[in-house]
PDB file of N, CA and C in Angstrom:
ATOM      1  N   UNK A   1      80.854 124.755 137.855  1.00  0.00           N
ATOM      2  CA  UNK A   1      81.693 123.779 138.540  1.00  0.00           C
ATOM      3  C   UNK A   1      81.088 123.465 139.905  1.00  0.00           C
ATOM      4  N   UNK A   2      80.951 122.210 140.210  1.00  0.00           N
ATOM      5  CA  UNK A   2      80.351 121.805 141.448  1.00  0.00           C
ATOM      6  C   UNK A   2      81.409 121.870 142.549  1.00  0.00           C
ATOM      7  N   UNK A   3      80.995 122.274 143.744  1.00  0.00           N
ATOM      8  CA  UNK A   3      81.899 122.259 144.898  1.00  0.00           C
ATOM      9  C   UNK A   3      82.077 120.838 145.364  1.00  0.00           C
ATOM     10  N   UNK A   4      83.136 120.635 146.153  1.00  0.00           N
ATOM     11  CA  UNK A   4      83.419 119.235 146.674  1.00  0.00           C
ATOM     12  C   UNK A   4      82.193 118.775 147.528  1.00  0.00           C
ATOM     13  N   UNK A   5      81.674 119.690 148.297  1.00  0.00           N
ATOM     14  CA  UNK A   5      80.510 119.327 149.136  1.00  0.00           C
ATOM     15  C   UNK A   5      79.312 118.958 148.325  1.00  0.00           C
ATOM     16  N   UNK A   6      79.051 119.710 147.246  1.00  0.00           N
ATOM     17  CA  UNK A   6      77.890 119.407 146.403  1.00  0.00           C
ATOM     18  C   UNK A   6      78.123 118.050 145.745  1.00  0.00           C
ATOM     19  N   UNK A   7      79.338 117.732 145.382  1.00  0.00           N
ATOM     20  CA  UNK A   7      79.640 116.428 144.731  1.00  0.00           C
ATOM     21  C   UNK A   7      79.427 115.309 145.754  1.00  0.00           C
ATOM     22  N   UNK A   8      79.876 115.493 146.999  1.00  0.00           N
ATOM     23  CA  UNK A   8      79.685 114.474 148.033  1.00  0.00           C
ATOM     24  C   UNK A   8      78.193 114.233 148.304  1.00  0.00           C
ATOM     25  N   UNK A   9      77.441 115.299 148.411  1.00  0.00           N
ATOM     26  CA  UNK A   9      76.022 115.218 148.670  1.00  0.00           C
ATOM     27  C   UNK A   9      75.330 114.492 147.465  1.00  0.00           C
ATOM     28  N   UNK A  10      75.755 114.869 146.259  1.00  0.00           N
ATOM     29  CA  UNK A  10      75.198 114.212 145.043  1.00  0.00           C
ATOM     30  C   UNK A  10      75.472 112.717 145.022  1.00  0.00           C
ATOM     31  N   UNK A  11      76.681 112.318 145.434  1.00  0.00           N
ATOM     32  CA  UNK A  11      76.986 110.904 145.499  1.00  0.00           C
ATOM     33  C   UNK A  11      76.189 110.167 146.538  1.00  0.00           C
ATOM     34  N   UNK A  12      75.961 110.801 147.693  1.00  0.00           N
ATOM     35  CA  UNK A  12      75.157 110.188 148.732  1.00  0.00           C
ATOM     36  C   UNK A  12      73.702 110.070 148.259  1.00  0.00           C
ATOM     37  N   UNK A  13      73.227 111.113 147.610  1.00  0.00           N
ATOM     38  CA  UNK A  13      71.842 111.035 147.110  1.00  0.00           C
ATOM     39  C   UNK A  13      71.697 109.929 146.115  1.00  0.00           C
ATOM     40  N   UNK A  14      72.665 109.775 145.176  1.00  0.00           N
ATOM     41  CA  UNK A  14      72.598 108.766 144.151  1.00  0.00           C
ATOM     42  C   UNK A  14      72.530 107.362 144.821  1.00  0.00           C
ATOM     43  N   UNK A  15      73.376 107.118 145.800  1.00  0.00           N
ATOM     44  CA  UNK A  15      73.417 105.796 146.464  1.00  0.00           C
ATOM     45  C   UNK A  15      72.118 105.534 147.205  1.00  0.00           C
ATOM     46  N   UNK A  16      71.729 106.440 148.070  1.00  0.00           N
ATOM     47  CA  UNK A  16      70.516 106.252 148.869  1.00  0.00           C
ATOM     48  C   UNK A  16      69.241 106.217 148.040  1.00  0.00           C
ATOM     49  N   UNK A  17      69.156 107.055 146.997  1.00  0.00           N
ATOM     50  CA  UNK A  17      67.991 107.111 146.106  1.00  0.00           C
ATOM     51  C   UNK A  17      67.867 105.782 145.387  1.00  0.00           C
ATOM     52  N   UNK A  18      68.949 105.236 144.866  1.00  0.00           N
ATOM     53  CA  UNK A  18      68.874 103.950 144.200  1.00  0.00           C
ATOM     54  C   UNK A  18      68.327 102.864 145.103  1.00  0.00           C
ATOM     55  N   UNK A  19      68.737 102.852 146.345  1.00  0.00           N
ATOM     56  CA  UNK A  19      68.261 101.886 147.304  1.00  0.00           C
ATOM     57  C   UNK A  19      66.745 102.189 147.587  1.00  0.00           C
ATOM     58  N   UNK A  20      66.385 103.385 147.814  1.00  0.00           N
ATOM     59  CA  UNK A  20      64.981 103.754 148.063  1.00  0.00           C
ATOM     60  C   UNK A  20      64.043 103.288 146.917  1.00  0.00           C
ATOM     61  N   UNK A  21      64.457 103.617 145.717  1.00  0.00           N
ATOM     62  CA  UNK A  21      63.611 103.244 144.552  1.00  0.00           C
ATOM     63  C   UNK A  21      63.432 101.756 144.485  1.00  0.00           C
ATOM     64  N   UNK A  22      64.551 101.066 144.702  1.00  0.00           N
ATOM     65  CA  UNK A  22      64.524  99.619 144.617  1.00  0.00           C
ATOM     66  C   UNK A  22      63.629  98.996 145.701  1.00  0.00           C
ATOM     67  N   UNK A  23      63.674  99.506 146.937  1.00  0.00           N
ATOM     68  CA  UNK A  23      62.945  98.918 148.030  1.00  0.00           C
ATOM     69  C   UNK A  23      61.576  99.545 148.361  1.00  0.00           C
ATOM     70  N   UNK A  24      61.404 100.827 148.146  1.00  0.00           N
ATOM     71  CA  UNK A  24      60.220 101.511 148.624  1.00  0.00           C
ATOM     72  C   UNK A  24      59.191 101.842 147.517  1.00  0.00           C
ATOM     73  N   UNK A  25      59.643 102.053 146.323  1.00  0.00           N
ATOM     74  CA  UNK A  25      58.691 102.393 145.232  1.00  0.00           C
ATOM     75  C   UNK A  25      58.122 101.102 144.725  1.00  0.00           C
ATOM     76  N   UNK A  26      56.876 100.842 145.075  1.00  0.00           N
ATOM     77  CA  UNK A  26      56.286  99.528 144.794  1.00  0.00           C
ATOM     78  C   UNK A  26      55.388  99.545 143.517  1.00  0.00           C
ATOM     79  N   UNK A  27      55.323 100.698 142.850  1.00  0.00           N
ATOM     80  CA  UNK A  27      54.507 100.806 141.642  1.00  0.00           C
ATOM     81  C   UNK A  27      55.017  99.954 140.544  1.00  0.00           C
ATOM     82  N   UNK A  28      54.194  98.999 140.030  1.00  0.00           N
ATOM     83  CA  UNK A  28      54.684  98.085 138.973  1.00  0.00           C
ATOM     84  C   UNK A  28      54.978  98.812 137.651  1.00  0.00           C
ATOM     85  N   UNK A  29      54.509 100.025 137.494  1.00  0.00           N
ATOM     86  CA  UNK A  29      54.741 100.751 136.240  1.00  0.00           C
ATOM     87  C   UNK A  29      56.198 101.330 136.218  1.00  0.00           C
ATOM     88  N   UNK A  30      56.861 101.308 137.343  1.00  0.00           N
ATOM     89  CA  UNK A  30      58.228 101.800 137.350  1.00  0.00           C
ATOM     90  C   UNK A  30      59.105 100.652 136.846  1.00  0.00           C
ATOM     91  N   UNK A  31      59.799 100.916 135.768  1.00  0.00           N
ATOM     92  CA  UNK A  31      60.679  99.905 135.154  1.00  0.00           C
ATOM     93  C   UNK A  31      61.993  99.794 135.916  1.00  0.00           C
ATOM     94  N   UNK A  32      62.968  99.164 135.256  1.00  0.00           N
ATOM     95  CA  UNK A  32      64.295  98.989 135.831  1.00  0.00           C
ATOM     96  C   UNK A  32      65.025 100.356 135.680  1.00  0.00           C
ATOM     97  N   UNK A  33      65.027 101.093 136.794  1.00  0.00           N
ATOM     98  CA  UNK A  33      65.559 102.459 136.797  1.00  0.00           C
ATOM     99  C   UNK A  33      66.979 102.415 137.365  1.00  0.00           C
ATOM    100  N   UNK A  34      67.895 103.093 136.687  1.00  0.00           N
ATOM    101  CA  UNK A  34      69.233 103.283 137.107  1.00  0.00           C
ATOM    102  C   UNK A  34      69.509 104.775 137.300  1.00  0.00           C
ATOM    103  N   UNK A  35      70.025 105.190 138.432  1.00  0.00           N
ATOM    104  CA  UNK A  35      70.403 106.541 138.670  1.00  0.00           C
ATOM    105  C   UNK A  35      71.825 106.670 138.089  1.00  0.00           C
ATOM    106  N   UNK A  36      71.963 107.456 137.041  1.00  0.00           N
ATOM    107  CA  UNK A  36      73.256 107.599 136.400  1.00  0.00           C
ATOM    108  C   UNK A  36      74.064 108.724 136.935  1.00  0.00           C
ATOM    109  N   UNK A  37      73.406 109.689 137.573  1.00  0.00           N
ATOM    110  CA  UNK A  37      74.165 110.829 138.176  1.00  0.00           C
ATOM    111  C   UNK A  37      73.224 111.762 138.897  1.00  0.00           C
ATOM    112  N   UNK A  38      73.820 112.592 139.736  1.00  0.00           N
ATOM    113  CA  UNK A  38      73.054 113.608 140.441  1.00  0.00           C
ATOM    114  C   UNK A  38      73.905 114.880 140.470  1.00  0.00           C
ATOM    115  N   UNK A  39      73.340 115.966 139.951  1.00  0.00           N
ATOM    116  CA  UNK A  39      73.986 117.272 139.998  1.00  0.00           C
ATOM    117  C   UNK A  39      73.300 118.082 141.034  1.00  0.00           C
ATOM    118  N   UNK A  40      74.032 118.573 142.026  1.00  0.00           N
ATOM    119  CA  UNK A  40      73.485 119.369 143.145  1.00  0.00           C
ATOM    120  C   UNK A  40      74.015 120.821 142.998  1.00  0.00           C
ATOM    121  N   UNK A  41      73.104 121.739 143.144  1.00  0.00           N
ATOM    122  CA  UNK A  41      73.463 123.147 143.017  1.00  0.00           C
ATOM    123  C   UNK A  41      74.417 123.521 144.187  1.00  0.00           C
ATOM    124  N   UNK A  42      75.235 124.555 143.976  1.00  0.00           N
ATOM    125  CA  UNK A  42      76.203 124.932 145.022  1.00  0.00           C
ATOM    126  C   UNK A  42      75.599 125.256 146.369  1.00  0.00           C
ATOM    127  N   UNK A  43      74.383 125.823 146.363  1.00  0.00           N
ATOM    128  CA  UNK A  43      73.689 126.148 147.616  1.00  0.00           C
ATOM    129  C   UNK A  43      72.944 124.920 148.208  1.00  0.00           C
ATOM    130  N   UNK A  44      73.045 123.784 147.544  1.00  0.00           N
ATOM    131  CA  UNK A  44      72.421 122.537 148.044  1.00  0.00           C
ATOM    132  C   UNK A  44      70.914 122.600 148.095  1.00  0.00           C
ATOM    133  N   UNK A  45      70.278 123.471 147.340  1.00  0.00           N
ATOM    134  CA  UNK A  45      68.836 123.632 147.358  1.00  0.00           C
ATOM    135  C   UNK A  45      68.158 122.891 146.250  1.00  0.00           C
ATOM    136  N   UNK A  46      68.855 122.479 145.208  1.00  0.00           N
ATOM    137  CA  UNK A  46      68.227 121.811 144.086  1.00  0.00           C
ATOM    138  C   UNK A  46      69.209 120.680 143.588  1.00  0.00           C
ATOM    139  N   UNK A  47      68.583 119.591 143.215  1.00  0.00           N
ATOM    140  CA  UNK A  47      69.338 118.468 142.705  1.00  0.00           C
ATOM    141  C   UNK A  47      68.618 117.887 141.433  1.00  0.00           C
ATOM    142  N   UNK A  48      69.375 117.767 140.367  1.00  0.00           N
ATOM    143  CA  UNK A  48      68.879 117.124 139.209  1.00  0.00           C
ATOM    144  C   UNK A  48      69.334 115.680 139.193  1.00  0.00           C
ATOM    145  N   UNK A  49      68.390 114.762 139.160  1.00  0.00           N
ATOM    146  CA  UNK A  49      68.698 113.313 139.172  1.00  0.00           C
ATOM    147  C   UNK A  49      68.523 112.781 137.797  1.00  0.00           C
ATOM    148  N   UNK A  50      69.622 112.278 137.262  1.00  0.00           N
ATOM    149  CA  UNK A  50      69.604 111.688 135.876  1.00  0.00           C
ATOM    150  C   UNK A  50      69.409 110.203 135.972  1.00  0.00           C
ATOM    151  N   UNK A  51      68.376 109.777 135.179  1.00  0.00           N
ATOM    152  CA  UNK A  51      68.029 108.346 135.212  1.00  0.00           C
ATOM    153  C   UNK A  51      68.088 107.693 133.815  1.00  0.00           C
ATOM    154  N   UNK A  52      68.265 106.405 133.848  1.00  0.00           N
ATOM    155  CA  UNK A  52      68.191 105.575 132.661  1.00  0.00           C
ATOM    156  C   UNK A  52      67.171 104.483 132.992  1.00  0.00           C
ATOM    157  N   UNK A  53      66.294 104.201 132.004  1.00  0.00           N
ATOM    158  CA  UNK A  53      65.235 103.180 132.255  1.00  0.00           C
ATOM    159  C   UNK A  53      65.264 102.207 131.098  1.00  0.00           C
ATOM    160  N   UNK A  54      65.297 100.954 131.404  1.00  0.00           N
ATOM    161  CA  UNK A  54      65.179  99.915 130.359  1.00  0.00           C
ATOM    162  C   UNK A  54      63.712  99.714 129.994  1.00  0.00           C
ATOM    163  N   UNK A  55      63.429  99.584 128.726  1.00  0.00           N
ATOM    164  CA  UNK A  55      62.078  99.341 128.276  1.00  0.00           C
ATOM    165  C   UNK A  55      61.664 100.221 127.140  1.00  0.00           C
ATOM    166  N   UNK A  56      60.389 100.125 126.777  1.00  0.00           N
ATOM    167  CA  UNK A  56      59.872 100.876 125.640  1.00  0.00           C
ATOM    168  C   UNK A  56      59.779 102.366 126.025  1.00  0.00           C
ATOM    169  N   UNK A  57      59.493 103.191 125.019  1.00  0.00           N
ATOM    170  CA  UNK A  57      59.343 104.587 125.259  1.00  0.00           C
ATOM    171  C   UNK A  57      58.229 104.872 126.275  1.00  0.00           C
ATOM    172  N   UNK A  58      57.127 104.176 126.210  1.00  0.00           N
ATOM    173  CA  UNK A  58      56.042 104.358 127.118  1.00  0.00           C
ATOM    174  C   UNK A  58      56.405 103.955 128.550  1.00  0.00           C
ATOM    175  N   UNK A  59      57.180 102.874 128.730  1.00  0.00           N
ATOM    176  CA  UNK A  59      57.656 102.427 129.998  1.00  0.00           C
ATOM    177  C   UNK A  59      58.604 103.476 130.632  1.00  0.00           C
ATOM    178  N   UNK A  60      59.438 104.068 129.763  1.00  0.00           N
ATOM    179  CA  UNK A  60      60.363 105.062 130.244  1.00  0.00           C
ATOM    180  C   UNK A  60      59.606 106.275 130.738  1.00  0.00           C
ATOM    181  N   UNK A  61      58.624 106.751 129.933  1.00  0.00           N
ATOM    182  CA  UNK A  61      57.859 107.885 130.310  1.00  0.00           C
ATOM    183  C   UNK A  61      57.030 107.649 131.586  1.00  0.00           C
ATOM    184  N   UNK A  62      56.492 106.479 131.719  1.00  0.00           N
ATOM    185  CA  UNK A  62      55.724 106.118 132.938  1.00  0.00           C
ATOM    186  C   UNK A  62      56.651 106.166 134.156  1.00  0.00           C
ATOM    187  N   UNK A  63      57.824 105.597 134.012  1.00  0.00           N
ATOM    188  CA  UNK A  63      58.790 105.545 135.138  1.00  0.00           C
ATOM    189  C   UNK A  63      59.137 106.976 135.537  1.00  0.00           C
ATOM    190  N   UNK A  64      59.415 107.856 134.584  1.00  0.00           N
ATOM    191  CA  UNK A  64      59.811 109.221 134.891  1.00  0.00           C
ATOM    192  C   UNK A  64      58.656 109.976 135.562  1.00  0.00           C
ATOM    193  N   UNK A  65      57.464 109.779 135.038  1.00  0.00           N
ATOM    194  CA  UNK A  65      56.283 110.429 135.637  1.00  0.00           C
ATOM    195  C   UNK A  65      56.043 109.984 137.079  1.00  0.00           C
ATOM    196  N   UNK A  66      56.182 108.727 137.344  1.00  0.00           N
ATOM    197  CA  UNK A  66      55.941 108.202 138.679  1.00  0.00           C
ATOM    198  C   UNK A  66      57.038 108.734 139.640  1.00  0.00           C
ATOM    199  N   UNK A  67      58.274 108.704 139.186  1.00  0.00           N
ATOM    200  CA  UNK A  67      59.348 109.254 140.050  1.00  0.00           C
ATOM    201  C   UNK A  67      59.117 110.719 140.358  1.00  0.00           C
ATOM    202  N   UNK A  68      58.631 111.475 139.385  1.00  0.00           N
ATOM    203  CA  UNK A  68      58.306 112.867 139.639  1.00  0.00           C
ATOM    204  C   UNK A  68      57.214 113.020 140.638  1.00  0.00           C
ATOM    205  N   UNK A  69      56.212 112.155 140.553  1.00  0.00           N
ATOM    206  CA  UNK A  69      55.069 112.169 141.517  1.00  0.00           C
ATOM    207  C   UNK A  69      55.493 111.794 142.910  1.00  0.00           C
ATOM    208  N   UNK A  70      56.425 110.891 143.012  1.00  0.00           N
ATOM    209  CA  UNK A  70      56.859 110.341 144.334  1.00  0.00           C
ATOM    210  C   UNK A  70      58.056 111.214 144.837  1.00  0.00           C
ATOM    211  N   UNK A  71      58.379 112.249 144.144  1.00  0.00           N
ATOM    212  CA  UNK A  71      59.519 113.104 144.501  1.00  0.00           C
ATOM    213  C   UNK A  71      59.492 113.578 145.942  1.00  0.00           C
ATOM    214  N   UNK A  72      58.329 114.043 146.440  1.00  0.00           N
ATOM    215  CA  UNK A  72      58.252 114.531 147.804  1.00  0.00           C
ATOM    216  C   UNK A  72      58.552 113.443 148.826  1.00  0.00           C
ATOM    217  N   UNK A  73      57.910 112.252 148.594  1.00  0.00           N
ATOM    218  CA  UNK A  73      58.115 111.168 149.495  1.00  0.00           C
ATOM    219  C   UNK A  73      59.635 110.785 149.469  1.00  0.00           C
ATOM    220  N   UNK A  74      60.220 110.698 148.293  1.00  0.00           N
ATOM    221  CA  UNK A  74      61.641 110.301 148.207  1.00  0.00           C
ATOM    222  C   UNK A  74      62.531 111.344 148.863  1.00  0.00           C
ATOM    223  N   UNK A  75      62.213 112.590 148.694  1.00  0.00           N
ATOM    224  CA  UNK A  75      62.989 113.697 149.330  1.00  0.00           C
ATOM    225  C   UNK A  75      62.885 113.565 150.857  1.00  0.00           C
ATOM    226  N   UNK A  76      61.688 113.329 151.369  1.00  0.00           N
ATOM    227  CA  UNK A  76      61.486 113.196 152.798  1.00  0.00           C
ATOM    228  C   UNK A  76      62.326 112.027 153.363  1.00  0.00           C
ATOM    229  N   UNK A  77      62.285 110.932 152.669  1.00  0.00           N
ATOM    230  CA  UNK A  77      62.999 109.672 153.094  1.00  0.00           C
ATOM    231  C   UNK A  77      64.521 109.939 153.031  1.00  0.00           C
ATOM    232  N   UNK A  78      64.966 110.595 151.980  1.00  0.00           N
ATOM    233  CA  UNK A  78      66.415 110.897 151.808  1.00  0.00           C
ATOM    234  C   UNK A  78      66.880 111.841 152.912  1.00  0.00           C
ATOM    235  N   UNK A  79      66.049 112.833 153.258  1.00  0.00           N
ATOM    236  CA  UNK A  79      66.398 113.768 154.302  1.00  0.00           C
ATOM    237  C   UNK A  79      66.600 113.053 155.695  1.00  0.00           C
ATOM    238  N   UNK A  80      65.899 111.938 155.920  1.00  0.00           N
ATOM    239  CA  UNK A  80      66.092 111.170 157.123  1.00  0.00           C
ATOM    240  C   UNK A  80      67.445 110.470 157.152  1.00  0.00           C
ATOM    241  N   UNK A  81      67.881 110.075 155.958  1.00  0.00           N
ATOM    242  CA  UNK A  81      69.110 109.348 155.833  1.00  0.00           C
ATOM    243  C   UNK A  81      70.401 110.188 155.683  1.00  0.00           C
ATOM    244  N   UNK A  82      70.223 111.372 155.062  1.00  0.00           N
ATOM    245  CA  UNK A  82      71.329 112.262 154.778  1.00  0.00           C
ATOM    246  C   UNK A  82      71.102 113.529 155.497  1.00  0.00           C
ATOM    247  N   UNK A  83      71.892 113.823 156.491  1.00  0.00           N
ATOM    248  CA  UNK A  83      71.666 115.030 157.328  1.00  0.00           C
ATOM    249  C   UNK A  83      72.383 116.242 156.700  1.00  0.00           C
ATOM    250  N   UNK A  84      71.585 117.214 156.285  1.00  0.00           N
ATOM    251  CA  UNK A  84      72.053 118.510 155.815  1.00  0.00           C
ATOM    252  C   UNK A  84      71.110 119.553 156.333  1.00  0.00           C
ATOM    253  N   UNK A  85      71.593 120.777 156.396  1.00  0.00           N
ATOM    254  CA  UNK A  85      70.715 121.853 156.885  1.00  0.00           C
ATOM    255  C   UNK A  85      69.505 121.995 155.999  1.00  0.00           C
ATOM    256  N   UNK A  86      69.730 121.986 154.677  1.00  0.00           N
ATOM    257  CA  UNK A  86      68.660 122.068 153.706  1.00  0.00           C
ATOM    258  C   UNK A  86      68.815 120.861 152.809  1.00  0.00           C
ATOM    259  N   UNK A  87      67.723 120.112 152.558  1.00  0.00           N
ATOM    260  CA  UNK A  87      67.782 119.042 151.645  1.00  0.00           C
ATOM    261  C   UNK A  87      67.241 119.487 150.290  1.00  0.00           C
ATOM    262  N   UNK A  88      67.983 119.172 149.198  1.00  0.00           N
ATOM    263  CA  UNK A  88      67.597 119.734 147.909  1.00  0.00           C
ATOM    264  C   UNK A  88      66.267 119.186 147.373  1.00  0.00           C
ATOM    265  N   UNK A  89      65.596 120.034 146.597  1.00  0.00           N
ATOM    266  CA  UNK A  89      64.442 119.642 145.861  1.00  0.00           C
ATOM    267  C   UNK A  89      64.944 118.715 144.750  1.00  0.00           C
ATOM    268  N   UNK A  90      64.184 117.658 144.440  1.00  0.00           N
ATOM    269  CA  UNK A  90      64.617 116.723 143.428  1.00  0.00           C
ATOM    270  C   UNK A  90      63.919 116.948 142.121  1.00  0.00           C
ATOM    271  N   UNK A  91      64.663 116.923 141.090  1.00  0.00           N
ATOM    272  CA  UNK A  91      64.121 117.039 139.694  1.00  0.00           C
ATOM    273  C   UNK A  91      64.659 115.839 138.901  1.00  0.00           C
ATOM    274  N   UNK A  92      63.769 115.042 138.321  1.00  0.00           N
ATOM    275  CA  UNK A  92      64.230 113.874 137.596  1.00  0.00           C
ATOM    276  C   UNK A  92      64.252 114.150 136.102  1.00  0.00           C
ATOM    277  N   UNK A  93      65.330 113.692 135.408  1.00  0.00           N
ATOM    278  CA  UNK A  93      65.415 113.820 133.988  1.00  0.00           C
ATOM    279  C   UNK A  93      66.074 112.585 133.446  1.00  0.00           C
ATOM    280  N   UNK A  94      65.783 112.324 132.157  1.00  0.00           N
ATOM    281  CA  UNK A  94      66.473 111.192 131.489  1.00  0.00           C
ATOM    282  C   UNK A  94      67.921 111.621 131.199  1.00  0.00           C
ATOM    283  N   UNK A  95      68.824 110.653 131.326  1.00  0.00           N
ATOM    284  CA  UNK A  95      70.209 110.908 131.007  1.00  0.00           C
ATOM    285  C   UNK A  95      70.427 110.736 129.517  1.00  0.00           C
ATOM    286  N   UNK A  96      70.670 111.816 128.811  1.00  0.00           N
ATOM    287  CA  UNK A  96      70.792 111.746 127.344  1.00  0.00           C
ATOM    288  C   UNK A  96      72.059 111.051 126.869  1.00  0.00           C
ATOM    289  N   UNK A  97      73.036 110.951 127.746  1.00  0.00           N
ATOM    290  CA  UNK A  97      74.304 110.331 127.314  1.00  0.00           C
ATOM    291  C   UNK A  97      74.165 108.879 126.988  1.00  0.00           C
ATOM    292  N   UNK A  98      73.275 108.157 127.670  1.00  0.00           N
ATOM    293  CA  UNK A  98      73.137 106.745 127.428  1.00  0.00           C
ATOM    294  C   UNK A  98      72.602 106.480 126.021  1.00  0.00           C
ATOM    295  N   UNK A  99      71.549 107.191 125.594  1.00  0.00           N
ATOM    296  CA  UNK A  99      70.969 106.979 124.303  1.00  0.00           C
ATOM    297  C   UNK A  99      71.964 107.462 123.215  1.00  0.00           C
ATOM    298  N   UNK A 100      72.682 108.531 123.478  1.00  0.00           N
ATOM    299  CA  UNK A 100      73.665 109.013 122.527  1.00  0.00           C
ATOM    300  C   UNK A 100      74.723 107.982 122.287  1.00  0.00           C
ATOM    301  N   UNK A 101      75.212 107.382 123.375  1.00  0.00           N
ATOM    302  CA  UNK A 101      76.237 106.349 123.245  1.00  0.00           C
ATOM    303  C   UNK A 101      75.740 105.185 122.475  1.00  0.00           C
ATOM    304  N   UNK A 102      74.472 104.788 122.668  1.00  0.00           N
ATOM    305  CA  UNK A 102      73.873 103.641 121.915  1.00  0.00           C
ATOM    306  C   UNK A 102      73.811 103.985 120.434  1.00  0.00           C
ATOM    307  N   UNK A 103      73.418 105.231 120.098  1.00  0.00           N
ATOM    308  CA  UNK A 103      73.323 105.612 118.667  1.00  0.00           C
ATOM    309  C   UNK A 103      74.712 105.581 118.075  1.00  0.00           C
ATOM    310  N   UNK A 104      75.705 106.105 118.704  1.00  0.00           N
ATOM    311  CA  UNK A 104      77.047 106.081 118.211  1.00  0.00           C
ATOM    312  C   UNK A 104      77.541 104.696 118.023  1.00  0.00           C
ATOM    313  N   UNK A 105      77.259 103.816 118.940  1.00  0.00           N
ATOM    314  CA  UNK A 105      77.642 102.376 118.820  1.00  0.00           C
ATOM    315  C   UNK A 105      77.017 101.781 117.566  1.00  0.00           C
ATOM    316  N   UNK A 106      75.721 102.030 117.326  1.00  0.00           N
ATOM    317  CA  UNK A 106      75.098 101.488 116.095  1.00  0.00           C
ATOM    318  C   UNK A 106      75.752 101.993 114.843  1.00  0.00           C
ATOM    319  N   UNK A 107      76.068 103.287 114.805  1.00  0.00           N
ATOM    320  CA  UNK A 107      76.732 103.869 113.629  1.00  0.00           C
ATOM    321  C   UNK A 107      78.079 103.220 113.385  1.00  0.00           C
ATOM    322  N   UNK A 108      78.830 103.024 114.434  1.00  0.00           N
ATOM    323  CA  UNK A 108      80.156 102.367 114.286  1.00  0.00           C
ATOM    324  C   UNK A 108      79.985 100.946 113.808  1.00  0.00           C
ATOM    325  N   UNK A 109      79.010 100.232 114.312  1.00  0.00           N
ATOM    326  CA  UNK A 109      78.825  98.840 113.841  1.00  0.00           C
ATOM    327  C   UNK A 109      78.480  98.833 112.340  1.00  0.00           C
ATOM    328  N   UNK A 110      77.597  99.786 111.889  1.00  0.00           N
ATOM    329  CA  UNK A 110      77.255  99.846 110.485  1.00  0.00           C
ATOM    330  C   UNK A 110      78.496 100.104 109.644  1.00  0.00           C
ATOM    331  N   UNK A 111      79.349 101.018 110.113  1.00  0.00           N
ATOM    332  CA  UNK A 111      80.535 101.356 109.347  1.00  0.00           C
ATOM    333  C   UNK A 111      81.445 100.119 109.259  1.00  0.00           C
ATOM    334  N   UNK A 112      81.594  99.427 110.327  1.00  0.00           N
ATOM    335  CA  UNK A 112      82.418  98.217 110.291  1.00  0.00           C
ATOM    336  C   UNK A 112      81.859  97.141 109.316  1.00  0.00           C
ATOM    337  N   UNK A 113      80.508  96.990 109.273  1.00  0.00           N
ATOM    338  CA  UNK A 113      79.919  96.076 108.332  1.00  0.00           C
ATOM    339  C   UNK A 113      80.146  96.506 106.894  1.00  0.00           C
ATOM    340  N   UNK A 114      80.048  97.782 106.609  1.00  0.00           N
ATOM    341  CA  UNK A 114      80.343  98.265 105.263  1.00  0.00           C
ATOM    342  C   UNK A 114      81.775  98.031 104.888  1.00  0.00           C
ATOM    343  N   UNK A 115      82.716  98.255 105.815  1.00  0.00           N
ATOM    344  CA  UNK A 115      84.131  97.992 105.510  1.00  0.00           C
ATOM    345  C   UNK A 115      84.364  96.526 105.207  1.00  0.00           C
ATOM    346  N   UNK A 116      83.722  95.655 105.963  1.00  0.00           N
ATOM    347  CA  UNK A 116      83.863  94.168 105.756  1.00  0.00           C
ATOM    348  C   UNK A 116      83.331  93.745 104.412  1.00  0.00           C
ATOM    349  N   UNK A 117      82.238  94.331 103.942  1.00  0.00           N
ATOM    350  CA  UNK A 117      81.689  93.946 102.624  1.00  0.00           C
ATOM    351  C   UNK A 117      82.510  94.501 101.496  1.00  0.00           C
ATOM    352  N   UNK A 118      83.226  95.577 101.671  1.00  0.00           N
ATOM    353  CA  UNK A 118      84.019  96.138 100.620  1.00  0.00           C
ATOM    354  C   UNK A 118      85.413  95.526 100.503  1.00  0.00           C
ATOM    355  N   UNK A 119      85.796  94.677 101.432  1.00  0.00           N
ATOM    356  CA  UNK A 119      87.124  94.060 101.387  1.00  0.00           C
ATOM    357  C   UNK A 119      87.141  92.837 100.538  1.00  0.00           C
TER     358      UNK A 119
END
């Protein structure tokens, strides 16, 4: 369970990081990245940043790799904007819930089509 402070810091990181990626990361290999959530450890030393990327599998992997490489720069810039005693290390991961939701939606659509053809 996240503390209220960790949740607030996570929300701030999500907002500021979205803006930083949009304005400061100029690498054309970074696709359309959405920060879907940030989990911050209770001691505020580590943050897992969940992302969703539009594009092919290769584009998604490139975007994740580049974000991981620019992690130090992003952390430094975030630390300037968000004042805390310790700023968390950033770890980027794909948000699995987005793809799961899309798979479930496809299955539901298939079921509806089968029902329509049997009526």
